[in-house]
Protein backbone atom coordinates (compact mmCIF):
# COMPACT_ATOMS: atom_id res chain seq x y z
CA UNK A 1 36.50 -32.43 -8.97
CA UNK A 2 38.50 -29.40 -9.99
CA UNK A 3 37.79 -25.86 -8.81
CA UNK A 4 38.35 -23.07 -11.29
CA UNK A 5 39.16 -19.46 -10.54
CA UNK A 6 36.34 -17.51 -8.97
CA UNK A 7 33.89 -15.57 -11.15
CA UNK A 8 33.17 -12.01 -10.02
CA UNK A 9 30.74 -9.62 -11.69
CA UNK A 10 30.40 -5.99 -10.82
CA UNK A 11 27.56 -3.69 -11.81
CA UNK A 12 28.53 -0.05 -12.11
CA UNK A 13 26.22 2.70 -10.83
CA UNK A 14 26.60 6.37 -11.55
CA UNK A 15 26.97 8.33 -8.33
CA UNK A 16 24.11 10.68 -7.45
CA UNK A 17 24.44 14.14 -8.95
CA UNK A 18 23.18 17.40 -7.54
CA UNK A 19 21.33 19.93 -9.69
CA UNK A 20 23.02 23.09 -10.76
CA UNK A 21 21.78 26.28 -9.05
CA UNK A 22 18.25 26.96 -10.25
CA UNK A 23 17.79 23.56 -11.86
CA UNK A 24 14.35 22.14 -11.18
CA UNK A 25 13.02 25.55 -10.21
CA UNK A 26 9.32 26.16 -10.37
CA UNK A 27 9.70 28.90 -12.98
CA UNK A 28 10.88 32.50 -12.73
CA UNK A 29 10.34 35.94 -14.28
CA UNK A 30 12.88 38.57 -15.27
CA UNK A 31 10.55 41.55 -14.81
CA UNK A 32 11.49 43.15 -11.46
CA UNK A 33 8.01 44.65 -11.14
CA UNK A 34 6.77 41.18 -10.26
CA UNK A 35 7.41 39.21 -7.12
CA UNK A 36 6.50 35.69 -6.06
CA UNK A 37 2.96 35.12 -4.85
CA UNK A 38 3.40 31.37 -4.41
CA UNK A 39 5.20 28.42 -5.91
CA UNK A 40 4.63 24.69 -5.72
CA UNK A 41 7.67 22.44 -5.99
CA UNK A 42 7.18 18.78 -6.89
CA UNK A 43 9.18 16.36 -4.76
CA UNK A 44 9.38 12.58 -5.02
CA UNK A 45 11.51 10.29 -2.87
CA UNK A 46 12.25 8.09 -5.90
CA UNK A 47 14.37 10.83 -7.51
CA UNK A 48 17.14 10.76 -4.93
CA UNK A 49 19.84 11.95 -7.34
CA UNK A 50 18.41 15.47 -7.69
CA UNK A 51 17.26 16.27 -4.14
CA UNK A 52 13.92 14.57 -4.82
CA UNK A 53 13.02 17.03 -7.60
CA UNK A 54 10.20 15.38 -9.55
CA UNK A 55 10.19 16.18 -13.29
CA UNK A 56 7.74 15.11 -15.95
CA UNK A 57 4.54 16.98 -15.05
CA UNK A 58 2.74 19.27 -17.47
CA UNK A 59 0.93 21.92 -15.43
CA UNK A 60 -2.13 23.61 -16.94
CA UNK A 61 -4.19 26.35 -15.28
CA UNK A 62 -7.93 25.80 -15.67
CA UNK A 63 -9.75 28.10 -18.13
CA UNK A 64 -11.36 30.02 -15.25
CA UNK A 65 -7.96 30.44 -13.61
CA UNK A 66 -6.41 31.76 -16.83
CA UNK A 67 -9.15 34.39 -17.00
CA UNK A 68 -8.75 35.31 -13.32
CA UNK A 69 -4.96 35.61 -13.55
CA UNK A 70 -5.36 37.91 -16.55
CA UNK A 71 -7.87 40.03 -14.65
CA UNK A 72 -5.62 40.29 -11.58
CA UNK A 73 -2.41 40.77 -13.59
CA UNK A 74 -0.86 37.56 -12.26
CA UNK A 75 1.84 35.68 -14.14
CA UNK A 76 2.03 31.89 -14.33
CA UNK A 77 5.37 30.20 -14.93
CA UNK A 78 6.06 26.47 -15.16
CA UNK A 79 9.45 24.94 -14.43
CA UNK A 80 11.05 21.51 -14.65
CA UNK A 81 9.78 20.39 -11.26
CA UNK A 82 7.04 22.78 -10.24
CA UNK A 83 5.34 26.06 -11.10
CA UNK A 84 4.93 29.56 -9.73
CA UNK A 85 2.52 32.50 -9.82
CA UNK A 86 3.77 36.09 -9.56
CA UNK A 87 1.99 39.36 -8.82
CA UNK A 88 2.78 42.95 -9.69
CA UNK A 89 3.75 44.77 -6.51
CA UNK A 90 1.95 47.89 -7.72
CA UNK A 91 -1.28 45.88 -7.81
CA UNK A 92 -1.03 44.45 -4.29
CA UNK A 93 -3.77 46.60 -2.77
CA UNK A 94 -5.93 46.02 -5.83
CA UNK A 95 -5.61 42.26 -5.34
CA UNK A 96 -6.59 42.57 -1.68
CA UNK A 97 -9.56 44.81 -2.58
CA UNK A 98 -10.72 42.26 -5.15
CA UNK A 99 -10.58 39.45 -2.60
CA UNK A 100 -12.49 41.56 -0.06
CA UNK A 101 -15.18 42.13 -2.67
CA UNK A 102 -15.45 38.36 -3.21
CA UNK A 103 -16.04 37.71 0.49
CA UNK A 104 -19.67 36.99 1.21
CA UNK A 105 -22.02 36.03 3.99
CA UNK A 106 -24.33 33.31 2.69
CA UNK A 107 -28.03 34.19 2.63
CA UNK A 108 -28.95 30.53 3.12
CA UNK A 109 -27.17 27.24 3.97
CA UNK A 110 -27.22 26.34 0.29
CA UNK A 111 -24.96 29.29 -0.47
CA UNK A 112 -21.98 27.62 1.20
CA UNK A 113 -19.66 28.69 3.98
CA UNK A 114 -18.97 32.39 4.54
CA UNK A 115 -15.77 34.01 3.35
CA UNK A 116 -13.60 34.37 0.28
CA UNK A 117 -13.23 31.17 -1.77
CA UNK A 118 -11.40 32.71 -4.73
CA UNK A 119 -8.92 30.15 -5.99
CA UNK A 120 -6.65 29.14 -8.83
CA UNK A 121 -6.96 25.59 -10.15
CA UNK A 122 -4.27 23.59 -11.93
CA UNK A 123 -4.21 20.16 -13.54
CA UNK A 124 -1.09 17.99 -13.61
CA UNK A 125 -0.50 15.52 -16.44
CA UNK A 126 2.33 13.05 -15.93
CA UNK A 127 4.66 12.39 -18.84
CA UNK A 128 6.32 9.55 -16.92
CA UNK A 129 4.78 6.23 -17.96
CA UNK A 130 6.19 4.65 -14.79
CA UNK A 131 4.87 7.27 -12.37
CA UNK A 132 2.31 4.98 -10.72
CA UNK A 133 4.92 2.19 -10.59
CA UNK A 134 7.36 4.31 -8.58
CA UNK A 135 4.80 6.05 -6.35
CA UNK A 136 3.16 4.88 -3.15
CA UNK A 137 -0.31 4.63 -4.66
CA UNK A 138 -2.52 1.65 -5.49
CA UNK A 139 -0.87 -0.16 -8.40
CA UNK A 140 -4.22 -0.07 -10.22
CA UNK A 141 -4.44 3.75 -10.16
CA UNK A 142 -5.84 4.96 -13.49
CA UNK A 143 -6.09 8.73 -14.19
CA UNK A 144 -9.14 8.09 -16.36
CA UNK A 145 -10.92 6.82 -13.26
CA UNK A 146 -9.24 8.52 -10.30
CA UNK A 147 -7.39 11.76 -9.62
CA UNK A 148 -5.29 12.98 -6.76
CA UNK A 149 -6.65 16.16 -5.22
CA UNK A 150 -4.95 18.64 -2.90
CA UNK A 151 -5.72 22.15 -1.67
CA UNK A 152 -3.75 24.63 0.42
CA UNK A 153 -6.53 24.53 3.01
CA UNK A 154 -4.83 21.21 3.88
CA UNK A 155 -1.31 22.68 3.75
CA UNK A 156 0.74 22.46 6.92
CA UNK A 157 4.24 23.32 8.04
CA UNK A 158 6.69 20.51 8.67
CA UNK A 159 9.70 22.39 9.95
CA UNK A 160 10.77 24.72 7.14
CA UNK A 161 8.72 22.76 4.57
CA UNK A 162 5.08 23.57 3.77
CA UNK A 163 3.45 20.35 2.59
CA UNK A 164 0.64 20.90 0.08
CA UNK A 165 -1.43 17.94 1.29
CA UNK A 166 -3.16 16.70 4.42
CA UNK A 167 -0.57 14.05 5.29
CA UNK A 168 3.16 13.70 4.87
CA UNK A 169 2.70 12.72 1.21
CA UNK A 170 -0.05 12.53 -1.36
CA UNK A 171 -1.45 9.04 -0.97
CA UNK A 172 -4.43 6.77 -1.51
CA UNK A 173 -6.57 8.93 0.78
CA UNK A 174 -6.21 11.78 -1.71
CA UNK A 175 -7.62 9.80 -4.66
CA UNK A 176 -11.16 10.64 -5.81
CA UNK A 177 -13.36 9.35 -8.63
CA UNK A 178 -13.13 11.40 -11.81
CA UNK A 179 -15.99 12.81 -13.82
CA UNK A 180 -15.90 14.47 -17.21
CA UNK A 181 -18.45 16.96 -18.46
CA UNK A 182 -21.30 14.53 -17.76
CA UNK A 183 -22.05 12.31 -14.78
CA UNK A 184 -24.92 9.84 -14.51
CA UNK A 185 -26.55 9.34 -11.12
CA UNK A 186 -29.21 6.67 -10.41
CA UNK A 187 -32.27 8.04 -8.58
CA UNK A 188 -35.69 6.92 -7.47
CA UNK A 189 -38.96 8.86 -7.75
CA UNK A 190 -39.08 11.76 -5.30
CA UNK A 191 -35.32 12.01 -4.88
CA UNK A 192 -33.32 15.17 -5.57
CA UNK A 193 -29.68 15.41 -6.63
CA UNK A 194 -27.57 18.41 -5.62
CA UNK A 195 -23.98 19.33 -6.48
CA UNK A 196 -21.97 21.47 -4.06
CA UNK A 197 -18.57 23.04 -4.61
CA UNK A 198 -15.52 23.45 -2.37
CA UNK A 199 -17.27 26.06 -0.21
CA UNK A 200 -20.40 23.94 0.19
CA UNK A 201 -22.45 26.18 -2.10
CA UNK A 202 -25.09 24.41 -4.23
CA UNK A 203 -24.08 24.86 -7.86
CA UNK A 204 -26.47 22.32 -9.40
CA UNK A 205 -29.84 20.96 -8.35
CA UNK A 206 -31.54 18.35 -10.45
CA UNK A 207 -35.33 18.03 -10.09
CA UNK A 208 -36.88 14.84 -8.80
CA UNK A 209 -38.45 12.38 -11.24
CA UNK A 210 -42.27 12.32 -11.12
CA UNK A 211 -43.81 9.80 -8.70
CA UNK A 212 -45.09 7.77 -11.65
CA UNK A 213 -41.55 7.17 -12.92
CA UNK A 214 -39.60 4.02 -12.23
CA UNK A 215 -36.04 4.20 -10.97
CA UNK A 216 -34.18 6.37 -13.49
CA UNK A 217 -30.84 7.99 -14.09
CA UNK A 218 -30.17 11.72 -14.01
CA UNK A 219 -27.34 13.14 -16.11
CA UNK A 220 -25.51 16.04 -14.50
CA UNK A 221 -23.88 18.51 -16.89
CA UNK A 222 -20.61 19.84 -15.43
CA UNK A 223 -19.55 21.70 -18.56
CA UNK A 224 -20.61 25.10 -17.21
CA UNK A 225 -18.76 24.66 -13.92
CA UNK A 226 -15.11 25.38 -13.10
CA UNK A 227 -12.76 22.41 -12.87
CA UNK A 228 -12.54 21.30 -9.27
CA UNK A 229 -13.82 19.04 -6.52
CA UNK A 230 -17.56 18.58 -5.99
CA UNK A 231 -19.88 16.64 -3.74
CA UNK A 232 -22.87 14.96 -5.40
CA UNK A 233 -25.68 14.20 -2.95
CA UNK A 234 -28.90 12.28 -3.48
CA UNK A 235 -31.67 12.93 -0.95
CA UNK A 236 -35.29 11.98 -0.45
CA UNK A 237 -37.99 14.60 -0.77
CA UNK A 238 -37.88 15.26 3.00
CA UNK A 239 -34.16 16.03 2.81
CA UNK A 240 -32.91 12.70 4.17
CA UNK A 241 -29.55 11.95 2.57
CA UNK A 242 -29.49 8.72 0.60
CA UNK A 243 -25.97 8.86 -0.82
CA UNK A 244 -23.09 11.28 -1.29
CA UNK A 245 -19.89 11.05 -3.29
CA UNK A 246 -16.98 13.43 -3.80
CA UNK A 247 -15.70 13.65 -7.38
CA UNK A 248 -13.04 15.58 -9.25
CA UNK A 249 -14.27 17.29 -12.39
CA UNK A 250 -11.35 17.47 -14.78
CA UNK A 251 -10.61 17.30 -18.49
CA UNK A 252 -7.53 16.74 -20.60
CA UNK A 253 -5.88 14.41 -23.07
CA UNK A 254 -4.03 12.53 -21.76
CA UNK A 255 -6.05 12.47 -18.58
CA UNK A 256 -4.55 14.50 -15.72
CA UNK A 257 -3.35 12.62 -12.68
CA UNK A 258 -3.79 15.43 -10.18
CA UNK A 259 -5.88 18.57 -9.59
CA UNK A 260 -4.72 21.34 -7.26
CA UNK A 261 -6.74 24.21 -5.79
CA UNK A 262 -4.85 27.22 -4.42
CA UNK A 263 -7.12 29.46 -2.34
CA UNK A 264 -5.62 32.94 -2.53
CA UNK A 265 -6.47 33.83 1.06
CA UNK A 266 -7.91 32.23 4.17
CA UNK A 267 -11.61 31.80 3.39
CA UNK A 268 -12.72 32.48 6.96
CA UNK A 269 -11.12 32.59 10.43
CA UNK A 270 -12.13 29.01 11.25
CA UNK A 271 -10.17 27.53 8.33
CA UNK A 272 -6.74 26.00 8.75
CA UNK A 273 -4.16 25.95 5.96
CA UNK A 274 -1.48 28.29 4.60
CA UNK A 275 -2.32 31.00 2.05
CA UNK A 276 -0.31 33.43 -0.12
CA UNK A 277 -2.41 36.52 0.69
CA UNK A 278 -2.60 37.45 4.40
CA UNK A 279 -5.98 37.02 6.13
CA UNK A 280 -8.49 39.74 5.34
CA UNK A 281 -9.80 39.79 8.91
CA UNK A 282 -8.93 42.94 10.87
CA UNK A 283 -7.91 40.98 13.98
CA UNK A 284 -5.39 39.03 11.85
CA UNK A 285 -3.74 41.88 9.98
CA UNK A 286 -6.54 42.88 7.65
CA UNK A 287 -4.74 42.01 4.41
CA UNK A 288 -1.29 43.49 5.04
CA UNK A 289 0.36 43.62 1.62
CA UNK A 290 3.84 43.74 3.21
CA UNK A 291 3.28 40.15 4.30
CA UNK A 292 1.91 39.04 0.95
CA UNK A 293 3.33 36.25 -1.15
CA UNK A 294 6.68 34.48 -1.15
CA UNK A 295 5.04 31.21 -0.11
CA UNK A 296 6.72 28.00 -1.25
CA UNK A 297 4.71 24.80 -1.03
CA UNK A 298 6.01 21.30 -1.59
CA UNK A 299 3.80 18.73 -3.32
CA UNK A 300 5.37 15.54 -1.93
CA UNK A 301 5.19 11.99 -3.26
CA UNK A 302 6.51 8.92 -1.48
CA UNK A 303 8.36 6.22 -3.39
CA UNK A 304 6.74 2.82 -3.70
CA UNK A 305 8.16 -0.03 -1.66
CA UNK A 306 8.00 -3.48 -3.24
CA UNK A 307 8.89 -7.04 -2.39
CA UNK A 308 12.10 -7.86 -4.26
CA UNK A 309 12.42 -11.30 -5.83
CA UNK A 310 15.72 -12.48 -7.26
CA UNK A 311 15.57 -15.41 -9.71
CA UNK A 312 18.99 -17.07 -10.15
CA UNK A 313 19.53 -19.38 -13.13
CA UNK A 314 22.72 -21.13 -14.33
CA UNK A 315 24.44 -19.75 -17.40
CA UNK A 316 24.42 -23.12 -19.12
CA UNK A 317 22.07 -26.10 -19.11
CA UNK A 318 22.43 -28.63 -16.33
CA UNK A 319 24.16 -26.38 -13.83
CA UNK A 320 23.20 -26.52 -10.17
CA UNK A 321 23.84 -24.20 -7.24
CA UNK A 322 24.91 -24.70 -3.65
CA UNK A 323 25.73 -22.49 -0.68
CA UNK A 324 23.88 -19.51 -2.11
CA UNK A 325 23.47 -16.46 0.11
CA UNK A 326 22.27 -12.88 -0.38
CA UNK A 327 23.77 -10.50 2.15
CA UNK A 328 23.75 -6.78 2.68
CA UNK A 329 22.32 -4.09 4.90
CA UNK A 330 18.71 -3.06 4.78
CA UNK A 331 16.93 -6.36 4.22
CA UNK A 332 16.96 -10.08 4.74
CA UNK A 333 16.13 -12.63 2.06
CA UNK A 334 14.69 -16.12 2.24
CA UNK A 335 15.45 -18.85 -0.29
CA UNK A 336 12.61 -20.97 -1.65
CA UNK A 337 13.06 -24.65 -0.70
CA UNK A 338 12.70 -25.81 -4.31
CA UNK A 339 13.64 -24.26 -7.65
CA UNK A 340 10.85 -22.55 -9.58
CA UNK A 341 10.30 -22.75 -13.32
CA UNK A 342 10.56 -19.54 -15.30
CA UNK A 343 8.15 -18.93 -18.22
CA UNK A 344 10.87 -20.17 -20.62
CA UNK A 345 11.06 -23.49 -18.74
CA UNK A 346 14.44 -22.82 -17.12
CA UNK A 347 14.65 -23.61 -13.39
CA UNK A 348 15.66 -20.80 -11.05
CA UNK A 349 16.49 -20.41 -7.39
CA UNK A 350 14.15 -17.81 -5.86
CA UNK A 351 15.21 -15.39 -3.14
CA UNK A 352 12.47 -13.15 -1.66
CA UNK A 353 12.95 -10.10 0.56
CA UNK A 354 11.29 -10.45 3.94
CA UNK A 355 10.29 -6.78 3.90
CA UNK A 356 9.27 -4.30 1.23
CA UNK A 357 12.13 -2.16 -0.10
CA UNK A 358 11.78 1.40 -1.45
CA UNK A 359 12.42 2.01 -5.13
CA UNK A 360 15.04 4.65 -5.92
CA UNK A 361 16.36 6.14 -9.14
CA UNK A 362 19.84 5.47 -7.77
CA UNK A 363 19.46 2.55 -5.34
CA UNK A 364 20.65 3.00 -1.80
CA UNK A 365 20.57 -0.75 -1.13
CA UNK A 366 23.65 -2.84 -1.79
CA UNK A 367 23.30 -6.60 -1.76
CA UNK A 368 25.79 -9.27 -2.78
CA UNK A 369 25.30 -12.87 -3.87
CA UNK A 370 27.79 -15.59 -3.06
CA UNK A 371 27.78 -19.35 -3.57
CA UNK A 372 28.93 -22.08 -5.95
CA UNK A 373 27.78 -23.49 -9.27
CA UNK A 374 28.42 -27.08 -10.29
CA UNK A 375 28.50 -27.74 -14.05
CA UNK A 376 27.70 -31.05 -15.85
CA UNK A 377 31.43 -31.58 -16.63
CA UNK A 378 32.19 -31.75 -12.91
CA UNK A 379 33.79 -28.34 -12.63
CA UNK A 380 32.78 -25.88 -9.94
CA UNK A 381 32.66 -22.12 -10.02
CA UNK A 382 32.65 -19.70 -7.12
CA UNK A 383 29.96 -17.08 -7.63
CA UNK A 384 30.21 -13.53 -6.34
CA UNK A 385 28.01 -10.74 -7.66
CA UNK A 386 28.58 -7.52 -5.76
CA UNK A 387 26.45 -5.48 -5.92
CA UNK A 388 23.37 -7.27 -7.16
CA UNK A 389 21.27 -5.17 -9.54
CA UNK A 390 18.45 -3.37 -7.77
CA UNK A 391 14.76 -3.35 -8.65
CA UNK A 392 13.86 -1.13 -11.60
CA UNK A 393 10.96 1.28 -11.97
CA UNK A 394 9.22 -1.10 -14.34
CA UNK A 395 7.67 -3.54 -14.32
CA UNK A 396 5.99 -3.67 -10.92
CA UNK A 397 3.54 -6.53 -10.51
CA UNK A 398 0.52 -6.59 -8.21
CA UNK A 399 1.11 -8.56 -5.03
CA UNK A 400 -0.61 -11.94 -4.97
CA UNK A 401 -2.26 -11.11 -1.66
CA UNK A 402 -3.74 -7.96 -3.14
CA UNK A 403 -1.44 -5.53 -1.35
CA UNK A 404 -0.75 -2.12 -2.85
CA UNK A 405 3.04 -2.35 -2.65
CA UNK A 406 3.61 -4.77 -5.48
CA UNK A 407 6.42 -7.09 -6.52
CA UNK A 408 9.69 -6.37 -8.33
CA UNK A 409 11.39 -9.25 -10.14
CA UNK A 410 15.12 -9.33 -10.90
CA UNK A 411 16.63 -12.10 -13.06
CA UNK A 412 20.26 -13.15 -12.57
CA UNK A 413 22.30 -15.58 -14.67
CA UNK A 414 25.53 -16.86 -13.16
């Protein structure tokens, strides 16, 4: 047999680029009377070419928040990878006085927790059709059924970074069922359904069906309530809880993926979190306007990690492979003992990563394939592909075992 010259293929990748100064900012104002109250920057580990800046979200303040910002003379500005809210420095004491006036001591347990629960609410719609594919969320996540929820009562400092979530990243634990303006709840005679808001205050109470009624459904009308997170509880007549569910009430077309609540100040001394207006409590500064604002939160998303599968097929019919190896740092691959048939009927050698690998806009992994191909005419070709193409953002297939990571398939012809 004769051996021809080796065949080498190289795939070119653009090097990562850094954003110009100000690129990806959360939005700014030119009026020097205004200063930053808070900003939320979107970060995603997939977008490693622009310091994890995550573009593609449309941010919309809720109708109640638009009205409140107008009343308090606050300015909302959206940027490429985040948004910001500014306040007029001349109105600082007026803002603090307003928040003091909103503080309340509940007259009864049904009035919620004590303190100031004044907040701004924002919905985030993703314009990236592959967002779920590239994000560490269940692959079946559907904004029409579930929404991510985060609040600065969960915010915590991680070195110089203030993470606007309860963990390191927004994740499956932050997904809640979605309701629109109406929600149907099954009940039995004698049961009562209550709806409580973020503070625990009862905002809806549906009367119990008469004892003569069979099991029925109660429709809860959310249309008169602010967008936000609510707990719907069903209880027997004696107050024994039967069921409770936390839902996100949101609207939008297309459906938002995320809802954020920004409490303007610490609701009460027992609450954790990080807030743009200093605590109103005298023993904690009493609302010092010199310490107001200039808070930067990060809304962080982790990139999805998938099992990578390389399918290697010969360029022409009848070709066979030998001595194939995939090498490189960051992962090991195993070769299937027998070729698999692709949907088009062509056999392929399957290599599967032994561990899940993170998806990146500009891949950090570098793998190379080496081996030989024997053709029907008796000739042999050395094969070297360095680097192998990396997994793309789409498609990502559900894992056969039902895992949330998913599978990325890459097809190679050599």
